[in-house]
Amino acid sequence: MLPKYFVYQQLLEAKVVAVVRGQNSHEAIQVSKAAISGGINAIELTYTTPEVEDVFKELRHMDVLLGAGSVMDTETARHAILSGATFIVSSHFVKDIASLCNLYSVPYLPGCMSISDMASALEAGCDVMKLFPAITFDPSFIKSVNGPLPNVRLMPTGGISLNNMNDWLSAGAVAVGVGSELTKAYQKGGYEAAVSLSRDYVSKKSEYTGV
């Protein structure tokens, strides 16, 4: 199991997290591998994907930071950790999941939309939170949050695209979650289309980071 601080550092360096939600395990594996081939080195496998455990089995030994998303309860969180997830993500804050992740020293990124949600997550030891769905916010929201809560770190997910990802990063996002566009690219154009779009995201990130 990777040290907690190391996982956070990798997330911060990755900047782009591919959120993979497949119609089946085969599609999720292919989209994930396409993202990795395109240079994205952080993958969040959602538990809404049928037989997602097969996806973890296929990817867990690859050189990629692997996390679990759409985690709703502690049973699922524990299953994900045992399957190889190095970070846990949920659509909303669940205190029991935070406690379990703290027990195993695994980062927990809960979905938060309000100051109240974020304060509760901070109290439970969450260092980074998912702003979800980001499409309902403007990047300037991060500055507004960091006024009263300067130690909140956000990863916007939902509605992130090539056109706005650097706006979010420039506004202070530690990383961004991208997902549906990669899956749609795979469904419309196959594996290589998903690889190409992943490369576009990595190239766009370099415009912000200068790397």
C-alpha atoms as a PDB file:
ATOM      1  CA  MET A   1       0.000   0.000   0.000  1.00  0.00           C
ATOM      2  CA  LEU A   2       1.370   3.409  -0.987  1.00  0.00           C
ATOM      3  CA  PRO A   3       1.966   6.000   1.751  1.00  0.00           C
ATOM      4  CA  LYS A   4      -0.875   8.506   1.953  1.00  0.00           C
ATOM      5  CA  TYR A   5       1.322  11.546   1.346  1.00  0.00           C
ATOM      6  CA  PHE A   6       2.821   9.856  -1.734  1.00  0.00           C
ATOM      7  CA  VAL A   7      -0.639   9.323  -3.248  1.00  0.00           C
ATOM      8  CA  TYR A   8      -1.541  12.978  -2.704  1.00  0.00           C
ATOM      9  CA  GLN A   9       1.745  14.065  -4.256  1.00  0.00           C
ATOM     10  CA  GLN A  10       1.104  11.903  -7.317  1.00  0.00           C
ATOM     11  CA  LEU A  11      -2.401  13.337  -7.685  1.00  0.00           C
ATOM     12  CA  LEU A  12      -1.061  16.869  -7.489  1.00  0.00           C
ATOM     13  CA  GLU A  13       1.585  16.090 -10.087  1.00  0.00           C
ATOM     14  CA  ALA A  14      -0.829  14.250 -12.385  1.00  0.00           C
ATOM     15  CA  LYS A  15      -3.268  17.196 -12.530  1.00  0.00           C
ATOM     16  CA  VAL A  16      -5.609  15.133 -14.760  1.00  0.00           C
ATOM     17  CA  VAL A  17      -7.555  12.151 -13.398  1.00  0.00           C
ATOM     18  CA  ALA A  18      -9.422   9.960 -15.890  1.00  0.00           C
ATOM     19  CA  VAL A  19     -12.774   9.042 -14.332  1.00  0.00           C
ATOM     20  CA  VAL A  20     -13.737   5.820 -16.096  1.00  0.00           C
ATOM     21  CA  ARG A  21     -17.349   4.679 -16.071  1.00  0.00           C
ATOM     22  CA  GLY A  22     -17.872   1.824 -18.521  1.00  0.00           C
ATOM     23  CA  GLN A  23     -20.984   0.044 -19.740  1.00  0.00           C
ATOM     24  CA  ASN A  24     -19.096  -3.142 -18.918  1.00  0.00           C
ATOM     25  CA  SER A  25     -15.698  -4.188 -17.618  1.00  0.00           C
ATOM     26  CA  HIS A  26     -14.218  -4.643 -21.115  1.00  0.00           C
ATOM     27  CA  GLU A  27     -15.072  -1.065 -22.100  1.00  0.00           C
ATOM     28  CA  ALA A  28     -13.681   0.291 -18.827  1.00  0.00           C
ATOM     29  CA  ILE A  29     -10.435  -1.624 -19.322  1.00  0.00           C
ATOM     30  CA  GLN A  30     -10.038  -0.340 -22.866  1.00  0.00           C
ATOM     31  CA  VAL A  31     -10.801   3.292 -21.953  1.00  0.00           C
ATOM     32  CA  SER A  32      -8.414   3.086 -18.988  1.00  0.00           C
ATOM     33  CA  LYS A  33      -5.601   1.611 -21.073  1.00  0.00           C
ATOM     34  CA  ALA A  34      -6.200   4.234 -23.752  1.00  0.00           C
ATOM     35  CA  ALA A  35      -5.928   6.981 -21.140  1.00  0.00           C
ATOM     36  CA  ILE A  36      -2.693   5.483 -19.828  1.00  0.00           C
ATOM     37  CA  SER A  37      -1.294   5.157 -23.366  1.00  0.00           C
ATOM     38  CA  GLY A  38      -2.177   8.804 -23.922  1.00  0.00           C
ATOM     39  CA  GLY A  39      -0.122   9.851 -20.902  1.00  0.00           C
ATOM     40  CA  ILE A  40      -2.755  10.132 -18.151  1.00  0.00           C
ATOM     41  CA  ASN A  41      -1.286   8.421 -15.104  1.00  0.00           C
ATOM     42  CA  ALA A  42      -4.153   8.675 -12.606  1.00  0.00           C
ATOM     43  CA  ILE A  43      -7.305   6.593 -13.117  1.00  0.00           C
ATOM     44  CA  GLU A  44     -10.509   6.565 -11.063  1.00  0.00           C
ATOM     45  CA  LEU A  45     -12.577   3.420 -11.691  1.00  0.00           C
ATOM     46  CA  THR A  46     -16.206   3.964 -10.754  1.00  0.00           C
ATOM     47  CA  TYR A  47     -18.218   1.343  -8.924  1.00  0.00           C
ATOM     48  CA  THR A  48     -21.137   1.986 -11.278  1.00  0.00           C
ATOM     49  CA  THR A  49     -19.236  -0.115 -13.831  1.00  0.00           C
ATOM     50  CA  PRO A  50     -20.472  -3.735 -13.887  1.00  0.00           C
ATOM     51  CA  GLU A  51     -17.850  -6.238 -12.651  1.00  0.00           C
ATOM     52  CA  VAL A  52     -15.469  -3.411 -11.841  1.00  0.00           C
ATOM     53  CA  GLU A  53     -13.339  -5.847  -9.840  1.00  0.00           C
ATOM     54  CA  ASP A  54     -12.181  -7.312 -13.180  1.00  0.00           C
ATOM     55  CA  VAL A  55     -10.968  -3.859 -14.208  1.00  0.00           C
ATOM     56  CA  PHE A  56      -8.965  -3.494 -11.004  1.00  0.00           C
ATOM     57  CA  LYS A  57      -7.467  -6.940 -11.556  1.00  0.00           C
ATOM     58  CA  GLU A  58      -6.367  -5.957 -15.063  1.00  0.00           C
ATOM     59  CA  LEU A  59      -4.890  -2.578 -14.097  1.00  0.00           C
ATOM     60  CA  ARG A  60      -3.612  -2.878 -10.542  1.00  0.00           C
ATOM     61  CA  HIS A  61      -0.090  -3.914 -11.542  1.00  0.00           C
ATOM     62  CA  MET A  62       0.310  -1.223 -14.190  1.00  0.00           C
ATOM     63  CA  ASP A  63       2.370   1.900 -13.567  1.00  0.00           C
ATOM     64  CA  VAL A  64      -0.626   4.114 -12.782  1.00  0.00           C
ATOM     65  CA  LEU A  65      -2.231   5.691  -9.732  1.00  0.00           C
ATOM     66  CA  LEU A  66      -5.459   3.728  -9.345  1.00  0.00           C
ATOM     67  CA  GLY A  67      -8.468   4.943  -7.390  1.00  0.00           C
ATOM     68  CA  ALA A  68     -12.111   4.011  -6.885  1.00  0.00           C
ATOM     69  CA  GLY A  69     -15.070   6.311  -7.525  1.00  0.00           C
ATOM     70  CA  SER A  70     -18.816   6.305  -6.850  1.00  0.00           C
ATOM     71  CA  VAL A  71     -18.117   4.660  -3.487  1.00  0.00           C
ATOM     72  CA  MET A  72     -21.260   4.902  -1.376  1.00  0.00           C
ATOM     73  CA  ASP A  73     -20.481   2.871   1.755  1.00  0.00           C
ATOM     74  CA  THR A  74     -17.703   1.376   3.848  1.00  0.00           C
ATOM     75  CA  GLU A  75     -18.169  -2.130   2.422  1.00  0.00           C
ATOM     76  CA  THR A  76     -17.494  -0.841  -1.080  1.00  0.00           C
ATOM     77  CA  ALA A  77     -14.578   1.275   0.131  1.00  0.00           C
ATOM     78  CA  ARG A  78     -12.955  -1.739   1.782  1.00  0.00           C
ATOM     79  CA  HIS A  79     -13.524  -3.857  -1.332  1.00  0.00           C
ATOM     80  CA  ALA A  80     -11.879  -1.158  -3.446  1.00  0.00           C
ATOM     81  CA  ILE A  81      -8.855  -0.914  -1.158  1.00  0.00           C
ATOM     82  CA  LEU A  82      -8.406  -4.687  -1.181  1.00  0.00           C
ATOM     83  CA  SER A  83      -8.744  -4.619  -4.982  1.00  0.00           C
ATOM     84  CA  GLY A  84      -5.847  -2.175  -5.294  1.00  0.00           C
ATOM     85  CA  ALA A  85      -7.383   1.302  -5.037  1.00  0.00           C
ATOM     86  CA  THR A  86      -4.950   3.831  -3.597  1.00  0.00           C
ATOM     87  CA  PHE A  87      -7.576   6.567  -3.149  1.00  0.00           C
ATOM     88  CA  ILE A  88     -11.341   6.585  -2.629  1.00  0.00           C
ATOM     89  CA  VAL A  89     -13.823   9.032  -4.160  1.00  0.00           C
ATOM     90  CA  SER A  90     -17.532   9.481  -3.474  1.00  0.00           C
ATOM     91  CA  SER A  91     -20.218  11.764  -4.867  1.00  0.00           C
ATOM     92  CA  HIS A  92     -20.942  13.110  -1.373  1.00  0.00           C
ATOM     93  CA  PHE A  93     -19.317  13.135   2.053  1.00  0.00           C
ATOM     94  CA  VAL A  94     -19.782   9.938   4.095  1.00  0.00           C
ATOM     95  CA  LYS A  95     -18.239  10.137   7.569  1.00  0.00           C
ATOM     96  CA  ASP A  96     -17.926   6.349   7.969  1.00  0.00           C
ATOM     97  CA  ILE A  97     -15.952   6.102   4.725  1.00  0.00           C
ATOM     98  CA  ALA A  98     -13.626   8.842   5.989  1.00  0.00           C
ATOM     99  CA  SER A  99     -13.061   6.852   9.201  1.00  0.00           C
ATOM    100  CA  LEU A 100     -12.331   3.643   7.306  1.00  0.00           C
ATOM    101  CA  CYS A 101      -9.909   5.377   4.935  1.00  0.00           C
ATOM    102  CA  ASN A 102      -8.130   7.021   7.853  1.00  0.00           C
ATOM    103  CA  LEU A 103      -7.777   3.582   9.455  1.00  0.00           C
ATOM    104  CA  TYR A 104      -6.011   2.273   6.343  1.00  0.00           C
ATOM    105  CA  SER A 105      -4.187   5.568   5.615  1.00  0.00           C
ATOM    106  CA  VAL A 106      -5.907   5.830   2.229  1.00  0.00           C
ATOM    107  CA  PRO A 107      -6.849   9.295   0.877  1.00  0.00           C
ATOM    108  CA  TYR A 108     -10.596   9.944   0.745  1.00  0.00           C
ATOM    109  CA  LEU A 109     -11.906  12.582  -1.682  1.00  0.00           C
ATOM    110  CA  PRO A 110     -15.592  13.184  -0.963  1.00  0.00           C
ATOM    111  CA  GLY A 111     -17.846  15.182  -3.249  1.00  0.00           C
ATOM    112  CA  CYS A 112     -18.650  18.563  -1.698  1.00  0.00           C
ATOM    113  CA  MET A 113     -20.711  21.494  -2.933  1.00  0.00           C
ATOM    114  CA  SER A 114     -21.100  23.759   0.102  1.00  0.00           C
ATOM    115  CA  ILE A 115     -18.957  25.335   2.806  1.00  0.00           C
ATOM    116  CA  SER A 116     -20.769  23.131   5.323  1.00  0.00           C
ATOM    117  CA  ASP A 117     -19.868  19.965   3.394  1.00  0.00           C
ATOM    118  CA  MET A 118     -16.258  21.052   3.125  1.00  0.00           C
ATOM    119  CA  ALA A 119     -15.963  21.936   6.804  1.00  0.00           C
ATOM    120  CA  SER A 120     -17.344  18.500   7.750  1.00  0.00           C
ATOM    121  CA  ALA A 121     -14.869  16.825   5.403  1.00  0.00           C
ATOM    122  CA  LEU A 122     -11.978  18.806   6.895  1.00  0.00           C
ATOM    123  CA  GLU A 123     -12.998  17.735  10.400  1.00  0.00           C
ATOM    124  CA  ALA A 124     -12.932  14.114   9.209  1.00  0.00           C
ATOM    125  CA  GLY A 125      -9.378  14.441   7.911  1.00  0.00           C
ATOM    126  CA  CYS A 126     -10.003  14.900   4.182  1.00  0.00           C
ATOM    127  CA  ASP A 127      -7.162  16.818   2.548  1.00  0.00           C
ATOM    128  CA  VAL A 128      -8.625  17.057  -0.978  1.00  0.00           C
ATOM    129  CA  MET A 129     -12.300  17.212  -1.924  1.00  0.00           C
ATOM    130  CA  LYS A 130     -14.097  16.654  -5.178  1.00  0.00           C
ATOM    131  CA  LEU A 131     -16.142  19.633  -6.331  1.00  0.00           C
ATOM    132  CA  PHE A 132     -19.056  17.883  -7.988  1.00  0.00           C
ATOM    133  CA  PRO A 133     -20.685  18.582 -10.313  1.00  0.00           C
ATOM    134  CA  ALA A 134     -18.234  21.302 -11.335  1.00  0.00           C
ATOM    135  CA  ILE A 135     -20.421  22.261 -14.285  1.00  0.00           C
ATOM    136  CA  THR A 136     -22.694  24.152 -11.871  1.00  0.00           C
ATOM    137  CA  PHE A 137     -19.814  26.362 -10.670  1.00  0.00           C
ATOM    138  CA  ASP A 138     -17.396  28.938 -12.037  1.00  0.00           C
ATOM    139  CA  PRO A 139     -13.631  28.520 -11.419  1.00  0.00           C
ATOM    140  CA  SER A 140     -13.760  31.665  -9.253  1.00  0.00           C
ATOM    141  CA  PHE A 141     -15.692  29.579  -6.704  1.00  0.00           C
ATOM    142  CA  ILE A 142     -12.379  28.154  -5.467  1.00  0.00           C
ATOM    143  CA  LYS A 143     -11.142  31.615  -4.436  1.00  0.00           C
ATOM    144  CA  SER A 144     -14.457  32.268  -2.689  1.00  0.00           C
ATOM    145  CA  VAL A 145     -14.104  29.029  -0.727  1.00  0.00           C
ATOM    146  CA  ASN A 146     -10.467  29.657   0.188  1.00  0.00           C
ATOM    147  CA  GLY A 147     -11.456  32.918   1.858  1.00  0.00           C
ATOM    148  CA  PRO A 148     -13.149  31.328   4.893  1.00  0.00           C
ATOM    149  CA  LEU A 149     -11.463  27.919   4.397  1.00  0.00           C
ATOM    150  CA  PRO A 150      -7.927  28.585   3.117  1.00  0.00           C
ATOM    151  CA  ASN A 151      -6.786  24.968   3.593  1.00  0.00           C
ATOM    152  CA  VAL A 152      -9.492  23.431   1.368  1.00  0.00           C
ATOM    153  CA  ARG A 153      -8.075  21.780  -1.768  1.00  0.00           C
ATOM    154  CA  LEU A 154     -10.516  20.989  -4.565  1.00  0.00           C
ATOM    155  CA  MET A 155     -10.578  18.645  -7.553  1.00  0.00           C
ATOM    156  CA  PRO A 156     -13.459  19.737  -9.824  1.00  0.00           C
ATOM    157  CA  THR A 157     -15.160  16.892 -11.676  1.00  0.00           C
ATOM    158  CA  GLY A 158     -18.190  16.834 -13.944  1.00  0.00           C
ATOM    159  CA  GLY A 159     -18.249  19.239 -16.872  1.00  0.00           C
ATOM    160  CA  ILE A 160     -14.466  19.526 -17.219  1.00  0.00           C
ATOM    161  CA  SER A 161     -13.292  19.792 -20.829  1.00  0.00           C
ATOM    162  CA  LEU A 162     -10.241  20.778 -22.857  1.00  0.00           C
ATOM    163  CA  ASN A 163     -11.731  24.264 -23.098  1.00  0.00           C
ATOM    164  CA  ASN A 164     -11.993  24.917 -19.356  1.00  0.00           C
ATOM    165  CA  MET A 165      -9.571  22.627 -17.530  1.00  0.00           C
ATOM    166  CA  ASN A 166      -6.765  25.182 -17.373  1.00  0.00           C
ATOM    167  CA  ASP A 167      -9.205  27.814 -16.114  1.00  0.00           C
ATOM    168  CA  TRP A 168      -9.851  25.550 -13.132  1.00  0.00           C
ATOM    169  CA  LEU A 169      -6.172  24.765 -12.596  1.00  0.00           C
ATOM    170  CA  SER A 170      -5.282  28.451 -12.775  1.00  0.00           C
ATOM    171  CA  ALA A 171      -8.031  29.181 -10.252  1.00  0.00           C
ATOM    172  CA  GLY A 172      -6.388  26.859  -7.735  1.00  0.00           C
ATOM    173  CA  ALA A 173      -7.725  23.362  -8.431  1.00  0.00           C
ATOM    174  CA  VAL A 174      -5.156  20.743  -7.395  1.00  0.00           C
ATOM    175  CA  ALA A 175      -6.334  18.483 -10.237  1.00  0.00           C
ATOM    176  CA  VAL A 176      -9.325  17.963 -12.509  1.00  0.00           C
ATOM    177  CA  GLY A 177     -11.404  14.867 -13.148  1.00  0.00           C
ATOM    178  CA  VAL A 178     -12.302  14.101 -16.765  1.00  0.00           C
ATOM    179  CA  GLY A 179     -14.436  11.190 -17.827  1.00  0.00           C
ATOM    180  CA  SER A 180     -17.411  11.192 -20.123  1.00  0.00           C
ATOM    181  CA  GLU A 181     -15.524  12.668 -23.077  1.00  0.00           C
ATOM    182  CA  LEU A 182     -12.973   9.847 -22.997  1.00  0.00           C
ATOM    183  CA  THR A 183     -15.677   7.190 -22.950  1.00  0.00           C
ATOM    184  CA  LYS A 184     -17.591   8.913 -25.741  1.00  0.00           C
ATOM    185  CA  ALA A 185     -14.412   9.115 -27.815  1.00  0.00           C
ATOM    186  CA  TYR A 186     -13.899   5.372 -27.363  1.00  0.00           C
ATOM    187  CA  GLN A 187     -17.500   4.587 -28.229  1.00  0.00           C
ATOM    188  CA  LYS A 188     -17.432   6.723 -31.377  1.00  0.00           C
ATOM    189  CA  GLY A 189     -13.905   6.240 -32.658  1.00  0.00           C
ATOM    190  CA  GLY A 190     -12.475   3.256 -30.817  1.00  0.00           C
ATOM    191  CA  TYR A 191      -9.309   2.814 -28.806  1.00  0.00           C
ATOM    192  CA  GLU A 192      -7.078   5.159 -30.804  1.00  0.00           C
ATOM    193  CA  ALA A 193      -9.630   7.989 -30.553  1.00  0.00           C
ATOM    194  CA  ALA A 194      -9.527   7.700 -26.767  1.00  0.00           C
ATOM    195  CA  VAL A 195      -5.719   7.639 -26.827  1.00  0.00           C
ATOM    196  CA  SER A 196      -5.667  10.775 -28.977  1.00  0.00           C
ATOM    197  CA  LEU A 197      -8.035  12.661 -26.688  1.00  0.00           C
ATOM    198  CA  SER A 198      -5.991  11.624 -23.650  1.00  0.00           C
ATOM    199  CA  ARG A 199      -2.897  13.046 -25.322  1.00  0.00           C
ATOM    200  CA  ASP A 200      -4.801  16.277 -25.928  1.00  0.00           C
ATOM    201  CA  TYR A 201      -5.571  16.535 -22.197  1.00  0.00           C
ATOM    202  CA  VAL A 202      -1.923  15.921 -21.288  1.00  0.00           C
ATOM    203  CA  SER A 203      -0.814  18.499 -23.864  1.00  0.00           C
ATOM    204  CA  LYS A 204      -3.338  21.011 -22.533  1.00  0.00           C
ATOM    205  CA  LYS A 205      -2.065  20.409 -19.012  1.00  0.00           C
ATOM    206  CA  SER A 206       1.468  21.212 -20.164  1.00  0.00           C
ATOM    207  CA  GLU A 207       0.272  24.664 -21.276  1.00  0.00           C
ATOM    208  CA  TYR A 208      -0.610  25.321 -17.632  1.00  0.00           C
ATOM    209  CA  THR A 209       2.301  23.586 -15.921  1.00  0.00           C
ATOM    210  CA  GLY A 210       4.944  24.407 -18.513  1.00  0.00           C
ATOM    211  CA  VAL A 211       6.110  20.774 -18.436  1.00  0.00           C
END
